[in-house]
Amino acid sequence: MPFAKAFWEKVSFLIAKRRTVTPGVPEEAFISARMDTRSPSSGSYTWRINYFSLMTQKKYYSDVFTVGGCRWRILIFPKGNNSDYFAIYLDVPDSATLPSGWAREVFMTFTMVNQHDQSRSTKKDTRHRFNAREVDWGFALYKPLTELRDRTKGFLINDAVIVKAEVEVQAVVPPIPVPPVAVPPTAVPPTDFPEAGSSPPNVVPPAVTARLITDANRFDSFFSELEELIVSAETSANKEGPGSSRSNDQMFDLISGSPNLEEVEEAKQSLKECLSDLFKLNMKDKLAAALQTLTRAEVGLTSDQQKVVKGFWDNFNEFISDFLSFEQENSEFELQKLARDQMFSAIKRNREIHLSNKQLLESLNKEEDGLKRRMEELKSMRQKLMSDWERLMTMSEETKSKYTAQEKKLAEAEEKKRIAEETMSRSAAAWSSLKAQFL
């Protein structure tokens, strides 16, 4: 009974925990892609990763593409896989649904395109045998992030990075019929996210723009409403929580025959190992094998344990289906949330620009008022200068008239002085004659 209760609680916890973990931002918001198929067993997939600097999650997956009859996808770590290097891998997206013992021998080449000079693109290749234990393979130290983020190097242009995976499938176990090469599909980037370097459409008619520019009060009123929207949205965001969890289900048909006690103990240990971690699709086969064995067990389990294991095993396929459906719906939710968040960020940025413009307008108004005051001061100074200048001219005219009159008086005085000097000269001669007679 304790084992059965712990088992069921653990499974419910794992399901709820898995569903409340927020996955990476959906790649659809950032990418455009192209699939090239050269032959049934080889092909390449080009992934243009837009808005690279906006990627905040640890890892991202490309869309699924098919080469050699097998499904593949690219896995990247844009901020590094526990290192300061861009990491890139080839991943098997449907590993959880492949038959037991599956394997794929693959030669792969990863290229990061240099958008300035393609001859300087980074290219690394490797060979790997994919199986249930190793569902992805690639390079953890593909390119230093410092080099990738250096805009002069040519790998990050217009906030976009282009990577290419060339895949050659050399062996598949069990064999898969490979259809003839068809015209490769082209993934179109979502219309809500324009290609890097393109400009968003002008949604504001020029006439409206001209009118708004001349009306600062209309601006202020509009952005005041945005302020309420921002506060409301941020309040709602703070209240958001994980979605509710549901019961889940299972996979394979029962096999006749009862396992021995040793096999039961091994299955119980395997089950405990699965339950000790979050549920992942790559542990499906291991979990299914353990449940399959325990479902057929006649020894080593209590009746309650058998009942719980049997109930869980009967719904195993539905459990996996629910899990996959949740992953898909959660990705769609994250995509829509990302679009909403980007629009909300644009609104906030526009509001910040509005506040900056408003502050700048106030500064310009103050400067204009200061210039007006200065102009009034200069005008007053000019008027005073002209008035003083006028008075100076009047005074100069009066002084000039006095100077002319004084010139006449000086001439008259000079004539009188000359006559006086002549008279004085005759008097001096008489004085000298008198002095000579008596001295």
Protein backbone atom coordinates (compact mmCIF):
# COMPACT_ATOMS: atom_id res chain seq x y z
CA MET A 1 0.00 0.00 0.00
CA PRO A 2 2.70 2.61 0.82
CA PHE A 3 4.46 1.80 -2.49
CA ALA A 4 1.23 2.12 -4.50
CA LYS A 5 0.31 5.42 -2.86
CA ALA A 6 3.81 6.80 -3.29
CA PHE A 7 3.86 5.61 -6.91
CA TRP A 8 0.57 7.30 -7.81
CA GLU A 9 1.41 10.52 -5.94
CA LYS A 10 4.81 10.56 -7.61
CA VAL A 11 3.33 10.13 -11.07
CA SER A 12 0.74 12.86 -10.42
CA PHE A 13 3.48 15.15 -9.12
CA LEU A 14 5.67 14.45 -12.13
CA ILE A 15 2.86 15.20 -14.55
CA ALA A 16 1.89 18.41 -12.77
CA LYS A 17 5.52 19.46 -12.42
CA ARG A 18 6.25 18.83 -16.07
CA ARG A 19 3.23 20.81 -17.17
CA THR A 20 3.99 23.81 -15.00
CA VAL A 21 7.58 24.17 -16.16
CA THR A 22 7.72 27.00 -18.68
CA PRO A 23 9.58 25.78 -21.78
CA GLY A 24 11.77 27.92 -24.01
CA VAL A 25 10.25 30.73 -26.01
CA PRO A 26 8.69 29.09 -29.09
CA GLU A 27 11.10 29.11 -31.99
CA GLU A 28 8.31 30.05 -34.43
CA ALA A 29 8.55 33.64 -33.20
CA PHE A 30 12.17 33.92 -34.24
CA ILE A 31 12.79 31.76 -37.26
CA SER A 32 12.44 31.24 -40.93
CA ALA A 33 13.68 28.01 -42.44
CA ARG A 34 14.42 26.20 -45.69
CA MET A 35 14.69 22.46 -46.29
CA ASP A 36 16.87 21.15 -49.15
CA THR A 37 16.79 17.45 -50.04
CA ARG A 38 19.56 16.23 -52.34
CA SER A 39 18.77 12.50 -52.20
CA PRO A 40 16.47 10.20 -50.19
CA SER A 41 19.21 9.62 -47.59
CA SER A 42 20.74 13.11 -47.40
CA GLY A 43 19.53 16.67 -47.12
CA SER A 44 20.09 19.99 -45.42
CA TYR A 45 18.02 22.35 -43.33
CA THR A 46 18.75 26.08 -43.10
CA TRP A 47 17.46 27.90 -40.03
CA ARG A 48 17.44 31.71 -39.93
CA ILE A 49 17.15 32.71 -36.27
CA ASN A 50 15.68 36.21 -36.05
CA TYR A 51 15.66 38.42 -32.94
CA PHE A 52 18.66 36.53 -31.58
CA SER A 53 19.30 39.05 -28.80
CA LEU A 54 15.72 38.59 -27.52
CA MET A 55 16.21 34.88 -26.82
CA THR A 56 16.02 34.49 -23.05
CA GLN A 57 15.49 30.75 -22.65
CA LYS A 58 18.31 28.24 -22.36
CA LYS A 59 17.53 26.19 -25.47
CA TYR A 60 15.45 26.31 -28.64
CA TYR A 61 14.38 23.76 -31.26
CA SER A 62 13.91 24.27 -34.97
CA ASP A 63 10.92 22.93 -36.87
CA VAL A 64 11.03 19.21 -37.63
CA PHE A 65 12.42 18.15 -41.03
CA THR A 66 12.79 14.72 -42.66
CA VAL A 67 15.92 13.15 -44.15
CA GLY A 68 16.30 9.45 -44.99
CA GLY A 69 12.74 8.80 -43.86
CA CYS A 70 13.70 9.95 -40.34
CA ARG A 71 12.51 13.04 -38.50
CA TRP A 72 15.10 15.52 -37.23
CA ARG A 73 15.37 18.94 -35.72
CA ILE A 74 18.16 21.33 -34.71
CA LEU A 75 18.71 22.09 -31.03
CA ILE A 76 20.61 25.25 -30.03
CA PHE A 77 21.74 26.86 -26.79
CA PRO A 78 22.02 30.58 -27.76
CA LYS A 79 23.58 31.54 -24.42
CA GLY A 80 25.72 28.42 -24.10
CA ASN A 81 25.22 24.96 -22.62
CA ASN A 82 26.90 25.63 -19.27
CA SER A 83 29.70 27.42 -21.11
CA ASP A 84 30.50 30.66 -22.95
CA TYR A 85 30.09 28.95 -26.32
CA PHE A 86 27.15 28.74 -28.72
CA ALA A 87 26.05 25.07 -28.71
CA ILE A 88 24.30 23.22 -31.54
CA TYR A 89 23.01 19.63 -31.85
CA LEU A 90 20.99 17.37 -34.12
CA ASP A 91 18.01 15.92 -32.23
CA VAL A 92 15.54 13.06 -32.81
CA PRO A 93 12.14 14.64 -31.99
CA ASP A 94 10.11 11.40 -32.05
CA SER A 95 12.53 9.24 -30.04
CA ALA A 96 9.85 8.46 -27.46
CA THR A 97 7.61 6.83 -30.05
CA LEU A 98 10.25 4.79 -31.90
CA PRO A 99 10.34 1.01 -31.45
CA SER A 100 12.63 -0.58 -28.90
CA GLY A 101 16.18 -1.06 -30.16
CA TRP A 102 16.00 1.68 -32.78
CA ALA A 103 19.22 3.24 -34.07
CA ARG A 104 20.37 5.65 -36.78
CA GLU A 105 23.90 6.02 -38.12
CA VAL A 106 24.35 9.61 -39.29
CA PHE A 107 27.09 11.86 -40.65
CA MET A 108 26.21 15.50 -39.98
CA THR A 109 27.70 18.91 -40.70
CA PHE A 110 26.78 22.12 -38.90
CA THR A 111 27.45 25.47 -40.59
CA MET A 112 27.06 28.96 -39.14
CA VAL A 113 26.83 31.26 -42.15
CA ASN A 114 29.05 34.34 -42.29
CA GLN A 115 26.66 36.90 -43.72
CA HIS A 116 29.50 39.17 -44.85
CA ASP A 117 31.60 36.50 -46.57
CA GLN A 118 30.23 32.96 -46.84
CA SER A 119 33.73 31.61 -47.46
CA ARG A 120 34.47 32.50 -43.82
CA SER A 121 31.49 30.56 -42.45
CA THR A 122 32.12 28.21 -39.52
CA LYS A 123 31.68 24.53 -40.41
CA LYS A 124 32.06 21.46 -38.15
CA ASP A 125 31.11 17.85 -38.86
CA THR A 126 30.79 14.66 -36.85
CA ARG A 127 29.41 11.13 -37.01
CA HIS A 128 27.08 9.55 -34.45
CA ARG A 129 24.88 6.53 -33.88
CA PHE A 130 21.61 7.80 -32.41
CA ASN A 131 19.68 5.49 -30.09
CA ALA A 132 17.34 5.62 -27.11
CA ARG A 133 20.19 6.61 -24.78
CA GLU A 134 21.63 9.34 -27.04
CA VAL A 135 18.85 11.15 -28.88
CA ASP A 136 20.86 14.28 -29.69
CA TRP A 137 24.46 14.90 -30.74
CA GLY A 138 26.54 17.89 -31.74
CA PHE A 139 28.96 20.50 -30.43
CA ALA A 140 28.77 22.02 -26.95
CA LEU A 141 31.67 24.36 -27.81
CA TYR A 142 30.70 25.31 -31.35
CA LYS A 143 31.57 29.03 -31.35
CA PRO A 144 32.63 31.50 -28.62
CA LEU A 145 29.74 33.79 -27.76
CA THR A 146 32.07 36.80 -27.81
CA GLU A 147 32.91 36.12 -31.44
CA LEU A 148 29.29 35.41 -32.35
CA ARG A 149 28.06 38.68 -30.79
CA ASP A 150 30.82 40.75 -32.40
CA ARG A 151 28.87 42.51 -35.17
CA THR A 152 32.02 43.01 -37.21
CA LYS A 153 32.57 39.25 -37.58
CA GLY A 154 29.55 38.80 -39.83
CA PHE A 155 27.71 36.03 -37.96
CA LEU A 156 25.11 38.24 -36.22
CA ILE A 157 23.64 40.71 -38.73
CA ASN A 158 20.41 42.64 -38.15
CA ASP A 159 19.99 40.56 -34.98
CA ALA A 160 19.76 37.35 -37.05
CA VAL A 161 21.94 34.22 -37.07
CA ILE A 162 21.81 31.61 -39.86
CA VAL A 163 22.71 27.98 -39.13
CA LYS A 164 22.57 25.01 -41.47
CA ALA A 165 22.48 21.28 -40.73
CA GLU A 166 23.53 18.84 -43.47
CA VAL A 167 22.41 15.30 -42.65
CA GLU A 168 23.44 12.05 -44.33
CA VAL A 169 21.58 9.02 -42.97
CA GLN A 170 23.84 5.99 -43.52
CA ALA A 171 21.92 3.29 -41.65
CA VAL A 172 18.52 2.94 -39.92
CA VAL A 173 17.41 0.20 -37.51
CA PRO A 174 14.76 -1.01 -38.06
CA PRO A 175 14.80 -0.07 -41.77
CA ILE A 176 12.41 2.68 -42.89
CA PRO A 177 11.04 2.88 -46.45
CA VAL A 178 12.36 6.12 -47.91
CA PRO A 179 10.02 7.92 -50.35
CA PRO A 180 11.41 9.56 -53.52
CA VAL A 181 12.80 13.05 -53.22
CA ALA A 182 9.99 15.60 -53.32
CA VAL A 183 9.98 19.33 -53.75
CA PRO A 184 11.25 20.64 -50.40
CA PRO A 185 8.85 22.71 -48.33
CA THR A 186 9.74 26.21 -47.34
CA ALA A 187 8.77 27.50 -43.94
CA VAL A 188 7.43 31.02 -44.09
CA PRO A 189 8.29 33.28 -41.17
CA PRO A 190 5.27 34.33 -39.14
CA THR A 191 3.71 37.57 -40.33
CA ASP A 192 3.71 38.98 -36.81
CA PHE A 193 7.52 38.87 -36.78
CA PRO A 194 9.14 40.54 -39.85
CA GLU A 195 12.48 39.41 -41.20
CA ALA A 196 15.51 41.10 -39.67
CA GLY A 197 16.32 44.28 -41.55
CA SER A 198 12.78 44.84 -42.81
CA SER A 199 10.72 47.76 -41.63
CA PRO A 200 7.28 47.37 -40.04
CA PRO A 201 4.40 48.82 -42.07
CA ASN A 202 3.44 52.40 -41.34
CA VAL A 203 0.12 52.04 -39.58
CA VAL A 204 -0.32 55.76 -38.85
CA PRO A 205 -1.48 57.88 -41.79
CA PRO A 206 0.83 60.86 -42.44
CA ALA A 207 -2.01 63.34 -41.97
CA VAL A 208 -2.80 61.94 -38.54
CA THR A 209 0.89 62.00 -37.63
CA ALA A 210 1.20 65.63 -38.67
CA ARG A 211 -1.84 66.56 -36.62
CA LEU A 212 -0.60 64.72 -33.52
CA ILE A 213 2.84 66.30 -33.73
CA THR A 214 1.23 69.73 -33.52
CA ASP A 215 -0.95 68.75 -30.59
CA ALA A 216 1.09 67.79 -27.51
CA ASN A 217 -2.04 67.60 -25.38
CA ARG A 218 -3.45 64.85 -27.60
CA PHE A 219 -0.19 62.93 -27.18
CA ASP A 220 -0.34 63.29 -23.42
CA SER A 221 -3.96 62.14 -23.28
CA PHE A 222 -3.25 59.11 -25.47
CA PHE A 223 -0.21 57.96 -23.49
CA SER A 224 -2.01 58.51 -20.21
CA GLU A 225 -4.45 55.83 -21.38
CA LEU A 226 -1.47 53.61 -22.24
CA GLU A 227 -0.21 54.14 -18.70
CA GLU A 228 -3.44 52.61 -17.38
CA LEU A 229 -3.11 49.70 -19.84
CA ILE A 230 0.50 49.05 -18.78
CA VAL A 231 -0.33 49.11 -15.08
CA SER A 232 -3.30 46.81 -15.66
CA ALA A 233 -1.27 44.37 -17.76
CA GLU A 234 1.63 44.26 -15.31
CA THR A 235 -0.78 43.65 -12.44
CA SER A 236 -2.38 40.78 -14.35
CA ALA A 237 1.03 39.35 -15.24
CA ASN A 238 2.00 39.25 -11.58
CA LYS A 239 -1.10 37.16 -10.88
CA GLU A 240 -0.42 34.61 -13.62
CA GLY A 241 0.44 31.12 -12.46
CA PRO A 242 0.94 27.66 -13.84
CA GLY A 243 -1.97 25.88 -15.48
CA SER A 244 -3.82 23.10 -13.74
CA SER A 245 -2.62 19.52 -14.15
CA ARG A 246 -4.68 16.58 -15.23
CA SER A 247 -4.50 12.80 -14.86
CA ASN A 248 -2.40 10.98 -17.54
CA ASP A 249 -2.07 7.74 -19.46
CA GLN A 250 0.03 4.89 -21.16
CA MET A 251 1.37 2.68 -24.02
CA PHE A 252 1.94 -0.99 -24.94
CA ASP A 253 -0.21 -4.16 -25.00
CA LEU A 254 0.26 -6.80 -22.33
CA ILE A 255 2.53 -9.76 -22.96
CA SER A 256 1.55 -13.23 -21.75
CA GLY A 257 3.68 -15.00 -19.19
CA SER A 258 4.66 -14.01 -15.67
CA PRO A 259 8.11 -12.63 -14.78
CA ASN A 260 10.11 -14.25 -12.01
CA LEU A 261 10.89 -12.51 -8.72
CA GLU A 262 14.30 -11.28 -9.94
CA GLU A 263 12.70 -9.68 -13.00
CA VAL A 264 10.05 -8.08 -10.81
CA GLU A 265 12.69 -6.57 -8.50
CA GLU A 266 14.62 -5.24 -11.49
CA ALA A 267 11.42 -3.72 -12.88
CA LYS A 268 10.62 -2.11 -9.52
CA GLN A 269 14.11 -0.62 -9.37
CA SER A 270 13.78 0.65 -12.94
CA LEU A 271 10.40 2.18 -12.10
CA LYS A 272 11.85 3.93 -9.04
CA GLU A 273 14.63 5.37 -11.18
CA CYS A 274 12.07 6.76 -13.61
CA LEU A 275 9.99 8.23 -10.80
CA SER A 276 13.03 9.88 -9.21
CA ASP A 277 13.19 12.45 -12.03
CA LEU A 278 10.80 14.59 -14.05
CA PHE A 279 9.03 12.66 -16.77
CA LYS A 280 10.74 12.96 -20.16
CA LEU A 281 9.75 11.33 -23.41
CA ASN A 282 13.14 9.66 -23.73
CA MET A 283 12.39 7.56 -20.63
CA LYS A 284 9.17 6.21 -22.16
CA ASP A 285 10.63 2.85 -23.21
CA LYS A 286 12.27 2.27 -19.84
CA LEU A 287 9.09 3.19 -17.96
CA ALA A 288 6.94 1.09 -20.30
CA ALA A 289 9.18 -1.95 -19.89
CA ALA A 290 9.03 -1.66 -16.10
CA LEU A 291 5.25 -1.24 -16.04
CA GLN A 292 4.81 -4.05 -18.55
CA THR A 293 6.78 -6.42 -16.35
CA LEU A 294 5.05 -5.35 -13.12
CA THR A 295 1.60 -5.63 -14.73
CA ARG A 296 2.26 -9.32 -15.45
CA ALA A 297 3.89 -9.97 -12.07
CA GLU A 298 2.30 -12.52 -9.77
CA VAL A 299 4.91 -12.17 -7.03
CA GLY A 300 6.80 -9.29 -5.45
CA LEU A 301 3.86 -6.84 -5.41
CA THR A 302 0.97 -6.27 -3.03
CA SER A 303 -2.56 -6.35 -4.40
CA ASP A 304 -2.80 -2.57 -4.09
CA GLN A 305 0.47 -2.14 -5.97
CA GLN A 306 -0.75 -4.47 -8.72
CA LYS A 307 -4.02 -2.53 -8.98
CA VAL A 308 -2.29 0.86 -9.28
CA VAL A 309 0.31 -0.40 -11.78
CA LYS A 310 -2.36 -2.14 -13.87
CA GLY A 311 -4.54 0.99 -13.93
CA PHE A 312 -1.64 3.19 -14.93
CA TRP A 313 -0.43 0.73 -17.59
CA ASP A 314 -3.88 0.41 -19.18
CA ASN A 315 -3.88 4.17 -19.81
CA PHE A 316 -0.23 4.51 -20.78
CA ASN A 317 -0.88 5.42 -24.44
CA GLU A 318 -3.34 8.10 -23.41
CA PHE A 319 -0.80 9.41 -20.87
CA ILE A 320 1.81 9.86 -23.61
CA SER A 321 -0.79 11.38 -25.94
CA ASP A 322 -1.88 13.85 -23.27
CA PHE A 323 1.71 14.78 -22.60
CA LEU A 324 2.43 15.42 -26.29
CA SER A 325 -0.81 17.38 -26.67
CA PHE A 326 0.12 19.51 -23.70
CA GLU A 327 3.57 20.21 -25.13
CA GLN A 328 1.99 21.32 -28.40
CA GLU A 329 -0.69 23.46 -26.77
CA ASN A 330 1.79 24.93 -24.34
CA SER A 331 4.07 25.88 -27.23
CA GLU A 332 1.15 27.59 -28.96
CA PHE A 333 0.33 29.40 -25.73
CA GLU A 334 3.93 30.52 -25.35
CA LEU A 335 3.95 31.76 -28.96
CA GLN A 336 0.81 33.81 -28.42
CA LYS A 337 2.15 35.05 -25.09
CA LEU A 338 5.41 36.04 -26.74
CA ALA A 339 3.52 37.99 -29.41
CA ARG A 340 1.46 39.69 -26.71
CA ASP A 341 4.56 40.46 -24.65
CA GLN A 342 6.39 41.91 -27.65
CA MET A 343 3.44 44.15 -28.45
CA PHE A 344 3.24 45.14 -24.80
CA SER A 345 6.97 45.90 -24.79
CA ALA A 346 6.48 48.03 -27.89
CA ILE A 347 3.73 49.95 -26.11
CA LYS A 348 5.99 50.49 -23.09
CA ARG A 349 8.87 51.61 -25.31
CA ASN A 350 6.55 54.03 -27.10
CA ARG A 351 5.34 55.38 -23.78
CA GLU A 352 8.93 55.87 -22.62
CA ILE A 353 9.67 57.74 -25.85
CA HIS A 354 6.54 59.82 -25.24
CA LEU A 355 7.73 60.73 -21.73
CA SER A 356 11.14 61.60 -23.13
CA ASN A 357 9.55 63.74 -25.84
CA LYS A 358 7.35 65.42 -23.27
CA GLN A 359 10.36 66.22 -21.09
CA LEU A 360 12.25 67.48 -24.13
CA LEU A 361 9.29 69.67 -25.11
CA GLU A 362 9.20 71.16 -21.60
CA SER A 363 12.92 71.83 -21.83
CA LEU A 364 12.51 73.46 -25.24
CA ASN A 365 9.63 75.58 -23.93
CA LYS A 366 11.76 76.75 -21.01
CA GLU A 367 14.61 77.52 -23.36
CA GLU A 368 12.22 79.36 -25.65
CA ASP A 369 10.88 81.39 -22.71
CA GLY A 370 14.44 82.23 -21.71
CA LEU A 371 15.22 83.32 -25.24
CA LYS A 372 12.09 85.46 -25.31
CA ARG A 373 13.11 87.14 -22.06
CA ARG A 374 16.58 87.69 -23.47
CA MET A 375 15.09 89.16 -26.63
CA GLU A 376 13.03 91.57 -24.53
CA GLU A 377 16.15 92.54 -22.60
CA LEU A 378 18.07 93.10 -25.83
CA LYS A 379 15.20 95.11 -27.27
CA SER A 380 15.09 97.30 -24.15
CA MET A 381 18.86 97.73 -24.26
CA ARG A 382 18.65 98.72 -27.92
CA GLN A 383 15.92 101.27 -27.21
CA LYS A 384 17.95 102.76 -24.34
CA LEU A 385 21.03 102.87 -26.55
CA MET A 386 19.14 104.73 -29.28
CA SER A 387 17.70 107.16 -26.73
CA ASP A 388 21.13 107.82 -25.21
CA TRP A 389 22.53 108.22 -28.68
CA GLU A 390 19.85 110.79 -29.52
CA ARG A 391 20.65 112.79 -26.38
CA LEU A 392 24.35 112.65 -27.23
CA MET A 393 23.67 114.08 -30.67
CA THR A 394 21.59 116.92 -29.20
CA MET A 395 24.33 117.74 -26.70
CA SER A 396 26.90 117.63 -29.48
CA GLU A 397 24.87 120.13 -31.55
CA GLU A 398 24.69 122.50 -28.59
CA THR A 399 28.42 122.15 -27.94
CA LYS A 400 29.14 122.75 -31.61
CA SER A 401 27.13 126.02 -31.56
CA LYS A 402 28.89 127.18 -28.43
CA TYR A 403 32.22 126.26 -29.99
CA THR A 404 31.47 128.45 -33.06
CA ALA A 405 30.47 131.40 -30.85
CA GLN A 406 33.58 130.89 -28.75
CA GLU A 407 35.71 130.95 -31.89
CA LYS A 408 34.37 134.46 -32.68
CA LYS A 409 34.99 135.69 -29.14
CA LEU A 410 38.52 134.30 -29.28
CA ALA A 411 39.19 136.18 -32.56
CA GLU A 412 37.92 139.43 -31.08
CA ALA A 413 40.02 138.96 -27.93
CA GLU A 414 43.05 138.18 -30.06
CA GLU A 415 42.61 141.46 -32.03
CA LYS A 416 42.27 143.44 -28.86
CA LYS A 417 45.38 141.74 -27.49
CA ARG A 418 47.31 142.71 -30.66
CA ILE A 419 46.27 146.38 -30.37
CA ALA A 420 47.15 146.33 -26.68
CA GLU A 421 50.56 144.86 -27.46
CA GLU A 422 51.25 147.66 -30.01
CA THR A 423 50.22 150.28 -27.50
CA MET A 424 52.33 148.64 -24.85
CA SER A 425 55.29 148.59 -27.22
CA ARG A 426 55.12 152.39 -27.71
CA SER A 427 54.79 152.87 -23.99
CA ALA A 428 57.82 150.68 -23.36
CA ALA A 429 59.89 152.79 -25.81
CA ALA A 430 58.96 156.01 -24.04
CA TRP A 431 59.83 154.35 -20.73
CA SER A 432 63.24 153.33 -22.00
CA SER A 433 63.97 156.85 -23.34
CA LEU A 434 63.06 158.40 -20.02
CA LYS A 435 65.20 155.89 -18.18
CA ALA A 436 68.20 156.66 -20.36
CA GLN A 437 68.15 160.38 -19.60
CA PHE A 438 68.26 160.04 -15.84
CA LEU A 439 70.17 156.89 -15.11
